[in-house]
Structures are given as structure tokens and as C-alpha cells.
N, C-alpha and C. Protein backbone atom coordinates (compact mmCIF):
# COMPACT_ATOMS: atom_id res chain seq x y z
N MET A 1 0.70 -1.21 -0.01
CA MET A 1 0.15 -0.07 -0.02
C MET A 1 0.78 1.25 0.03
N ILE A 2 1.82 1.27 0.72
CA ILE A 2 2.80 2.46 0.82
C ILE A 2 3.55 2.74 -0.21
N ARG A 3 3.76 1.66 -1.07
CA ARG A 3 4.61 1.71 -2.36
C ARG A 3 3.59 2.28 -3.32
N HIS A 4 2.41 2.11 -3.55
CA HIS A 4 1.53 2.60 -4.30
C HIS A 4 1.07 4.21 -4.16
N PHE A 5 1.29 4.29 -2.94
CA PHE A 5 1.11 5.98 -2.33
C PHE A 5 2.49 6.56 -2.95
N ALA A 6 3.55 5.98 -2.88
CA ALA A 6 4.60 6.81 -3.40
C ALA A 6 4.86 6.79 -4.89
N VAL A 7 4.22 5.93 -5.53
CA VAL A 7 4.16 6.19 -6.97
C VAL A 7 3.33 7.34 -7.54
N ALA A 8 2.02 7.22 -6.63
CA ALA A 8 0.89 8.12 -7.02
C ALA A 8 1.14 9.45 -6.78
N LEU A 9 1.82 9.75 -5.42
CA LEU A 9 2.01 11.15 -4.98
C LEU A 9 2.80 11.99 -6.06
N PRO A 10 3.81 11.65 -6.76
CA PRO A 10 4.47 12.38 -7.82
C PRO A 10 3.50 12.57 -9.06
N ILE A 11 2.84 11.54 -9.35
CA ILE A 11 1.95 11.61 -10.75
C ILE A 11 0.89 12.90 -10.09
N VAL A 12 0.15 12.80 -8.87
CA VAL A 12 -0.85 13.75 -8.61
C VAL A 12 -0.09 15.36 -8.50
N ALA A 13 1.21 15.27 -8.16
CA ALA A 13 1.69 16.67 -8.03
C ALA A 13 2.02 17.06 -9.42
N ALA A 14 2.29 16.17 -10.46
CA ALA A 14 2.76 16.75 -11.69
C ALA A 14 1.40 17.10 -12.32
N LEU A 15 0.26 16.54 -12.24
CA LEU A 15 -0.96 16.87 -12.69
C LEU A 15 -1.32 18.17 -12.03
N ALA A 16 -1.17 18.39 -10.84
CA ALA A 16 -1.65 19.70 -10.31
C ALA A 16 -0.74 20.91 -10.82
N ALA A 17 0.30 20.53 -11.28
CA ALA A 17 1.35 21.71 -11.61
C ALA A 17 1.06 21.97 -13.07
N CYS A 18 0.36 21.20 -13.72
CA CYS A 18 -0.10 21.54 -15.34
C CYS A 18 -1.39 22.01 -15.35
N SER A 19 -2.15 22.26 -14.16
CA SER A 19 -3.50 22.90 -14.22
C SER A 19 -3.31 24.14 -14.28
N GLU A 20 -4.09 24.86 -15.31
CA GLU A 20 -3.89 26.38 -15.24
C GLU A 20 -4.59 27.12 -14.24
N GLU A 21 -4.02 28.03 -13.54
CA GLU A 21 -4.60 29.04 -12.63
C GLU A 21 -5.22 30.08 -13.39
N PRO A 22 -6.14 31.03 -12.84
CA PRO A 22 -6.53 32.16 -13.49
C PRO A 22 -5.46 33.20 -13.36
N PRO A 23 -5.36 33.85 -14.02
CA PRO A 23 -4.30 35.27 -14.05
C PRO A 23 -4.43 36.17 -13.09
N VAL A 24 -3.45 36.59 -12.46
CA VAL A 24 -3.44 37.53 -11.38
C VAL A 24 -3.67 38.66 -11.92
N VAL A 25 -4.63 39.55 -11.46
CA VAL A 25 -4.72 40.87 -11.92
C VAL A 25 -4.14 41.78 -10.89
N GLU A 26 -3.23 42.43 -11.64
CA GLU A 26 -2.30 43.48 -10.86
C GLU A 26 -3.17 44.66 -10.52
N PRO A 27 -3.08 45.20 -9.30
CA PRO A 27 -3.55 46.65 -8.84
C PRO A 27 -3.00 47.73 -9.56
N TYR A 28 -3.32 47.99 -10.62
CA TYR A 28 -2.68 48.91 -11.34
C TYR A 28 -2.74 50.33 -10.95
N PRO A 29 -1.74 51.21 -10.98
CA PRO A 29 -1.98 52.60 -10.40
C PRO A 29 -2.88 53.66 -11.20
N PHE A 30 -3.32 53.01 -12.33
CA PHE A 30 -4.16 53.94 -13.17
C PHE A 30 -5.51 53.67 -12.88
N ALA A 31 -5.82 52.80 -12.01
CA ALA A 31 -7.27 52.10 -11.58
C ALA A 31 -7.87 53.37 -10.79
N GLY A 32 -9.03 53.81 -11.07
CA GLY A 32 -9.86 54.97 -10.46
C GLY A 32 -10.60 55.90 -11.45
N GLN A 33 -11.04 57.02 -11.02
CA GLN A 33 -11.61 57.79 -12.00
C GLN A 33 -10.77 59.08 -12.21
N TRP A 34 -10.83 59.72 -13.49
CA TRP A 34 -9.81 60.67 -13.99
C TRP A 34 -10.72 61.60 -14.54
N ASP A 35 -10.59 62.80 -14.38
CA ASP A 35 -10.96 64.10 -15.14
C ASP A 35 -10.06 64.45 -16.22
N CYS A 36 -10.41 64.14 -17.49
CA CYS A 36 -9.79 64.44 -18.64
C CYS A 36 -9.94 65.76 -19.31
N GLY A 37 -10.77 66.52 -18.66
CA GLY A 37 -11.28 67.82 -19.23
C GLY A 37 -12.49 67.67 -20.13
N VAL A 38 -12.51 66.65 -21.18
CA VAL A 38 -13.67 66.49 -22.11
C VAL A 38 -14.35 65.28 -21.70
N SER A 39 -14.15 64.69 -20.53
CA SER A 39 -14.72 63.54 -20.03
C SER A 39 -14.22 63.08 -18.72
N VAL A 40 -14.89 62.30 -17.87
CA VAL A 40 -14.44 61.67 -16.81
C VAL A 40 -14.33 60.18 -17.26
N MET A 41 -13.16 59.68 -16.96
CA MET A 41 -12.85 58.37 -17.17
C MET A 41 -12.58 57.38 -16.11
N THR A 42 -13.16 56.31 -16.16
CA THR A 42 -13.08 55.28 -14.92
C THR A 42 -12.43 54.25 -15.50
N LEU A 43 -11.23 53.68 -14.82
CA LEU A 43 -10.53 52.58 -15.22
C LEU A 43 -10.48 51.73 -14.22
N SER A 44 -10.51 50.25 -14.69
CA SER A 44 -10.12 49.55 -13.59
C SER A 44 -9.30 48.18 -14.18
N ALA A 45 -8.67 47.32 -13.71
CA ALA A 45 -7.68 46.34 -13.91
C ALA A 45 -8.32 45.56 -15.29
N THR A 46 -9.81 45.62 -15.44
CA THR A 46 -10.41 44.85 -16.38
C THR A 46 -11.41 45.59 -17.25
N SER A 47 -11.58 46.92 -16.94
CA SER A 47 -12.50 47.74 -17.96
C SER A 47 -12.13 49.01 -18.05
N TYR A 48 -12.58 49.80 -19.24
CA TYR A 48 -12.17 51.34 -19.52
C TYR A 48 -13.42 51.83 -19.85
N ASP A 49 -13.76 53.03 -19.19
CA ASP A 49 -15.06 53.78 -19.41
C ASP A 49 -14.83 55.17 -19.61
N SER A 50 -14.81 55.65 -20.92
CA SER A 50 -14.64 57.06 -20.92
C SER A 50 -16.04 57.70 -21.33
N GLY A 51 -16.93 57.10 -20.64
CA GLY A 51 -18.40 57.85 -20.74
C GLY A 51 -19.26 57.23 -21.33
N GLY A 52 -18.98 56.18 -22.20
CA GLY A 52 -19.95 55.44 -23.27
C GLY A 52 -20.50 54.21 -22.75
N GLY A 53 -19.98 53.82 -21.73
CA GLY A 53 -20.17 52.43 -21.23
C GLY A 53 -18.77 51.69 -21.13
N PRO A 54 -18.76 50.67 -19.87
CA PRO A 54 -17.25 49.84 -19.99
C PRO A 54 -17.35 49.24 -21.09
N VAL A 55 -15.72 49.13 -21.32
CA VAL A 55 -15.32 48.31 -22.48
C VAL A 55 -14.43 47.41 -21.87
N PRO A 56 -14.31 46.13 -22.27
CA PRO A 56 -13.16 45.14 -21.54
C PRO A 56 -11.84 45.46 -22.00
N ILE A 57 -10.86 45.41 -21.04
CA ILE A 57 -9.48 45.55 -21.39
C ILE A 57 -8.93 44.21 -21.78
N SER A 58 -8.42 44.06 -22.84
CA SER A 58 -7.91 42.79 -23.49
C SER A 58 -6.69 42.32 -22.84
N SER A 59 -5.73 43.46 -22.82
CA SER A 59 -4.43 43.22 -22.38
C SER A 59 -3.73 44.55 -21.92
N VAL A 60 -2.93 44.53 -20.91
CA VAL A 60 -2.30 45.66 -20.37
C VAL A 60 -0.65 45.35 -20.53
N THR A 61 0.08 46.36 -21.03
CA THR A 61 1.26 46.23 -21.17
C THR A 61 2.10 47.58 -20.64
N ARG A 62 3.04 46.92 -19.60
CA ARG A 62 3.71 48.28 -18.92
C ARG A 62 4.66 48.67 -19.94
N ASN A 63 4.86 50.15 -19.96
CA ASN A 63 5.77 50.97 -20.94
C ASN A 63 6.59 52.04 -20.37
N GLY A 64 7.47 51.67 -19.36
CA GLY A 64 8.36 52.66 -18.55
C GLY A 64 7.26 53.00 -17.32
N PRO A 65 7.02 54.47 -17.49
CA PRO A 65 6.22 54.85 -16.19
C PRO A 65 4.66 55.05 -16.71
N GLY A 66 4.49 54.23 -18.02
CA GLY A 66 3.00 54.38 -18.53
C GLY A 66 2.63 52.73 -18.94
N TYR A 67 1.35 52.94 -19.57
CA TYR A 67 0.73 51.32 -19.84
C TYR A 67 0.03 51.62 -21.17
N GLU A 68 0.15 50.71 -21.96
CA GLU A 68 -0.71 50.34 -23.19
C GLU A 68 -1.72 49.35 -22.75
N LEU A 69 -3.10 49.98 -23.00
CA LEU A 69 -4.52 49.14 -23.00
C LEU A 69 -4.88 48.86 -24.46
N ARG A 70 -5.05 47.28 -24.54
CA ARG A 70 -5.57 46.99 -25.83
C ARG A 70 -7.01 46.65 -25.32
N LEU A 71 -7.96 47.41 -26.01
CA LEU A 71 -9.43 47.40 -25.38
C LEU A 71 -10.10 46.12 -26.31
N GLY A 72 -11.24 45.50 -25.83
CA GLY A 72 -11.98 44.54 -26.45
C GLY A 72 -12.58 44.87 -27.95
N ASP A 73 -12.71 46.33 -27.99
CA ASP A 73 -13.35 46.70 -29.34
C ASP A 73 -12.30 47.24 -30.37
N GLY A 74 -11.01 46.67 -30.04
CA GLY A 74 -9.90 47.04 -30.97
C GLY A 74 -8.93 48.28 -30.80
N ARG A 75 -9.62 49.04 -29.87
CA ARG A 75 -8.86 50.50 -29.77
C ARG A 75 -7.60 50.15 -28.81
N ILE A 76 -6.57 51.02 -28.86
CA ILE A 76 -5.61 50.92 -28.26
C ILE A 76 -5.39 52.20 -27.68
N VAL A 77 -5.21 52.42 -26.34
CA VAL A 77 -5.14 53.62 -25.57
C VAL A 77 -3.88 53.60 -24.65
N ALA A 78 -2.94 54.74 -24.77
CA ALA A 78 -1.66 54.55 -23.91
C ALA A 78 -1.93 55.72 -22.80
N LEU A 79 -1.70 55.34 -21.55
CA LEU A 79 -1.35 56.07 -20.27
C LEU A 79 -0.17 56.17 -19.99
N ALA A 80 0.19 57.60 -20.22
CA ALA A 80 1.62 58.10 -20.12
C ALA A 80 1.75 58.78 -18.77
N ALA A 81 3.14 58.42 -18.30
CA ALA A 81 3.38 59.55 -17.15
C ALA A 81 2.42 59.35 -15.93
N VAL A 82 2.07 58.01 -15.57
CA VAL A 82 1.24 57.71 -14.67
C VAL A 82 1.58 58.09 -13.19
N THR A 83 0.91 59.02 -12.52
CA THR A 83 1.27 59.22 -11.00
C THR A 83 0.25 59.00 -10.14
N ASP A 84 0.36 59.34 -8.78
CA ASP A 84 -0.82 58.93 -8.01
C ASP A 84 -1.87 60.17 -8.31
N THR A 85 -1.48 61.03 -8.85
CA THR A 85 -2.55 62.42 -9.04
C THR A 85 -2.85 62.62 -10.58
N ALA A 86 -1.96 62.34 -11.51
CA ALA A 86 -2.16 62.65 -12.73
C ALA A 86 -1.64 61.45 -13.94
N LEU A 87 -2.35 61.64 -15.28
CA LEU A 87 -1.56 60.71 -16.10
C LEU A 87 -1.93 61.43 -17.32
N THR A 88 -1.30 61.17 -18.63
CA THR A 88 -1.60 61.67 -19.90
C THR A 88 -2.24 60.46 -20.61
N TRP A 89 -3.49 60.75 -21.24
CA TRP A 89 -4.21 59.79 -21.82
C TRP A 89 -3.87 60.15 -23.43
N VAL A 90 -3.49 58.98 -24.11
CA VAL A 90 -3.19 59.17 -25.62
C VAL A 90 -3.93 58.15 -26.39
N SER A 91 -4.49 58.69 -27.33
CA SER A 91 -5.32 57.76 -28.44
C SER A 91 -4.24 56.92 -29.42
N GLY A 92 -4.38 55.56 -29.58
CA GLY A 92 -3.49 54.88 -30.35
C GLY A 92 -3.94 55.28 -31.84
N GLN A 93 -5.21 55.73 -32.15
CA GLN A 93 -5.43 55.92 -33.51
C GLN A 93 -5.15 57.03 -33.80
N THR A 94 -5.37 58.18 -33.10
CA THR A 94 -5.44 59.46 -33.54
C THR A 94 -4.19 60.28 -33.11
N GLY A 95 -3.65 59.79 -32.13
CA GLY A 95 -2.38 60.64 -31.17
C GLY A 95 -3.01 61.65 -30.34
N GLN A 96 -4.28 61.99 -30.20
CA GLN A 96 -4.77 63.01 -29.45
C GLN A 96 -4.55 62.69 -28.10
N GLN A 97 -4.13 63.82 -27.31
CA GLN A 97 -3.76 63.53 -25.94
C GLN A 97 -4.60 64.40 -24.98
N PHE A 98 -4.74 63.96 -23.78
CA PHE A 98 -5.32 64.90 -22.74
C PHE A 98 -4.77 64.50 -21.41
N THR A 99 -4.42 65.53 -20.58
CA THR A 99 -3.85 65.52 -19.32
C THR A 99 -5.07 65.24 -18.44
N CYS A 100 -5.18 64.24 -17.57
CA CYS A 100 -6.23 63.78 -16.70
C CYS A 100 -5.55 63.70 -15.31
N LEU A 101 -6.64 64.31 -14.38
CA LEU A 101 -6.37 64.52 -12.92
C LEU A 101 -7.08 63.56 -12.10
N ARG A 102 -6.66 62.78 -11.36
CA ARG A 102 -7.48 61.76 -10.38
C ARG A 102 -8.54 62.50 -9.66
N LEU A 103 -9.60 62.01 -9.72
CA LEU A 103 -10.81 62.31 -8.98
C LEU A 103 -10.77 61.75 -7.40
């Protein structure tokens, strides 16, 4: 009986190591509400809302002190110079920029 346990334990451990765990969502410093002058933007680790309703964030890439957000609708948004109180929002399509202050 002990011999079977000794053989089964490594197999169970290997199977457990192969199972995928859900990705860890980082508490990004850009999460929160931001007044960008033209609208109030709400960001979380998983969604982006510039006033038209939340859009899922497909991926987040760190870029120095900023981030690139790839949205579920195909848009790309850059958040540059992210601090505790401000960030610069940049459209990946038009290059338009806004300075945003945390609310």
C-alpha cells in the first residue's frame, strides 16, 4: 500500500502543476476615476469607460512609467506618465492627448 502511495504522489503533484490557474490581476496605479477635461474616465484592471459604457481591457502592457491598454473593441489607449494624481491619456488611433487628474 505504501509503495502505491509513493508512486501516485508524484503523478498527482505533476497533474496539479499542469493545471492552469486564473491570471493574477495587478492592482494597476491607473485604476480609478480621472477628469480628462472632455470627460470623466473610469479605469479598472479589467475595464475602460470614457463615458460611453465600460469596455473590457484585453491586455495591459507596461511601458516605462506608463501603460498600453488594448481594449476589447480593438482600440489602443496609452496612459503615459502615470502618477498618484495625474496621467496623460493618448489615443492609439489619432494621437490625441489629454492630461487627466485623479478624482
